[in-house]
């Protein structure tokens, strides 16, 4: 996807999520993957997911 299409899709996705989720559950950014990495037994390999490019300090407002 190109950057403009990504932004347009993000806006549509965010708008649709606002209809069914509370505001604090709406992601601030999205990551697009061609496939979810899997372990040898077919589960999601969380260690193989791409690392976030958001600095840890800006994650301080994350609801836990």
C-alpha atoms as a PDB file:
ATOM      1  CA  UNK A   1       0.000   0.000   0.000  1.00  0.00           C
ATOM      2  CA  UNK A   2       1.187   3.489  -0.590  1.00  0.00           C
ATOM      3  CA  UNK A   3       1.206   6.144   2.126  1.00  0.00           C
ATOM      4  CA  UNK A   4      -1.960   7.932   0.973  1.00  0.00           C
ATOM      5  CA  UNK A   5      -3.934   4.691   0.783  1.00  0.00           C
ATOM      6  CA  UNK A   6      -2.621   3.695   4.225  1.00  0.00           C
ATOM      7  CA  UNK A   7      -3.813   6.985   5.708  1.00  0.00           C
ATOM      8  CA  UNK A   8      -7.195   6.720   4.006  1.00  0.00           C
ATOM      9  CA  UNK A   9      -7.620   3.146   5.198  1.00  0.00           C
ATOM     10  CA  UNK A  10      -6.512   4.128   8.716  1.00  0.00           C
ATOM     11  CA  UNK A  11      -9.154   6.855   8.789  1.00  0.00           C
ATOM     12  CA  UNK A  12     -11.901   4.495   7.630  1.00  0.00           C
ATOM     13  CA  UNK A  13     -10.825   1.795  10.058  1.00  0.00           C
ATOM     14  CA  UNK A  14     -10.607   4.240  12.963  1.00  0.00           C
ATOM     15  CA  UNK A  15     -14.056   5.667  12.123  1.00  0.00           C
ATOM     16  CA  UNK A  16     -15.594   2.198  12.039  1.00  0.00           C
ATOM     17  CA  UNK A  17     -13.939   1.222  15.316  1.00  0.00           C
ATOM     18  CA  UNK A  18     -15.317   4.361  17.008  1.00  0.00           C
ATOM     19  CA  UNK A  19     -18.818   3.060  16.332  1.00  0.00           C
ATOM     20  CA  UNK A  20     -18.271  -0.045  18.445  1.00  0.00           C
ATOM     21  CA  UNK A  21     -15.387   0.633  20.856  1.00  0.00           C
ATOM     22  CA  UNK A  22     -14.778   3.169  23.621  1.00  0.00           C
ATOM     23  CA  UNK A  23     -12.265   5.886  22.685  1.00  0.00           C
ATOM     24  CA  UNK A  24      -9.481   4.456  24.870  1.00  0.00           C
ATOM     25  CA  UNK A  25      -9.534   1.203  22.885  1.00  0.00           C
ATOM     26  CA  UNK A  26      -8.963   2.835  19.489  1.00  0.00           C
ATOM     27  CA  UNK A  27      -5.346   2.239  18.383  1.00  0.00           C
ATOM     28  CA  UNK A  28      -3.256   5.334  17.755  1.00  0.00           C
ATOM     29  CA  UNK A  29      -1.472   3.582  14.886  1.00  0.00           C
ATOM     30  CA  UNK A  30      -1.794   0.456  12.811  1.00  0.00           C
ATOM     31  CA  UNK A  31       0.814  -1.968  11.488  1.00  0.00           C
ATOM     32  CA  UNK A  32       0.233  -3.845   8.257  1.00  0.00           C
ATOM     33  CA  UNK A  33       1.659  -7.333   7.860  1.00  0.00           C
ATOM     34  CA  UNK A  34       1.380  -9.662   4.895  1.00  0.00           C
ATOM     35  CA  UNK A  35       0.994 -12.569   7.348  1.00  0.00           C
ATOM     36  CA  UNK A  36       1.171 -13.170  11.087  1.00  0.00           C
ATOM     37  CA  UNK A  37       4.450 -14.847  12.064  1.00  0.00           C
ATOM     38  CA  UNK A  38       3.846 -18.286  13.506  1.00  0.00           C
ATOM     39  CA  UNK A  39       5.717 -20.693  15.719  1.00  0.00           C
ATOM     40  CA  UNK A  40       6.342 -24.241  14.548  1.00  0.00           C
ATOM     41  CA  UNK A  41       3.024 -25.320  16.121  1.00  0.00           C
ATOM     42  CA  UNK A  42       0.945 -22.622  14.393  1.00  0.00           C
ATOM     43  CA  UNK A  43       0.561 -20.105  17.223  1.00  0.00           C
ATOM     44  CA  UNK A  44       1.350 -16.409  16.790  1.00  0.00           C
ATOM     45  CA  UNK A  45       5.075 -15.815  17.316  1.00  0.00           C
ATOM     46  CA  UNK A  46       4.973 -12.572  19.279  1.00  0.00           C
ATOM     47  CA  UNK A  47       8.781 -12.368  19.402  1.00  0.00           C
ATOM     48  CA  UNK A  48       8.902 -12.296  15.588  1.00  0.00           C
ATOM     49  CA  UNK A  49       6.471  -9.373  15.277  1.00  0.00           C
ATOM     50  CA  UNK A  50       8.080  -6.112  14.121  1.00  0.00           C
ATOM     51  CA  UNK A  51       9.141  -3.824  16.942  1.00  0.00           C
ATOM     52  CA  UNK A  52       7.240  -0.589  17.411  1.00  0.00           C
ATOM     53  CA  UNK A  53       8.930   2.548  16.136  1.00  0.00           C
ATOM     54  CA  UNK A  54       7.208   4.597  18.849  1.00  0.00           C
ATOM     55  CA  UNK A  55       9.625   5.623  21.608  1.00  0.00           C
ATOM     56  CA  UNK A  56       8.821   4.131  25.003  1.00  0.00           C
ATOM     57  CA  UNK A  57       8.348   7.599  26.555  1.00  0.00           C
ATOM     58  CA  UNK A  58       5.428   8.297  24.229  1.00  0.00           C
ATOM     59  CA  UNK A  59       3.800   5.060  25.364  1.00  0.00           C
ATOM     60  CA  UNK A  60       3.399   6.436  28.904  1.00  0.00           C
ATOM     61  CA  UNK A  61      -0.226   7.311  28.201  1.00  0.00           C
ATOM     62  CA  UNK A  62      -1.114   3.693  27.445  1.00  0.00           C
ATOM     63  CA  UNK A  63      -4.006   2.414  29.551  1.00  0.00           C
ATOM     64  CA  UNK A  64      -3.014  -0.663  31.530  1.00  0.00           C
END
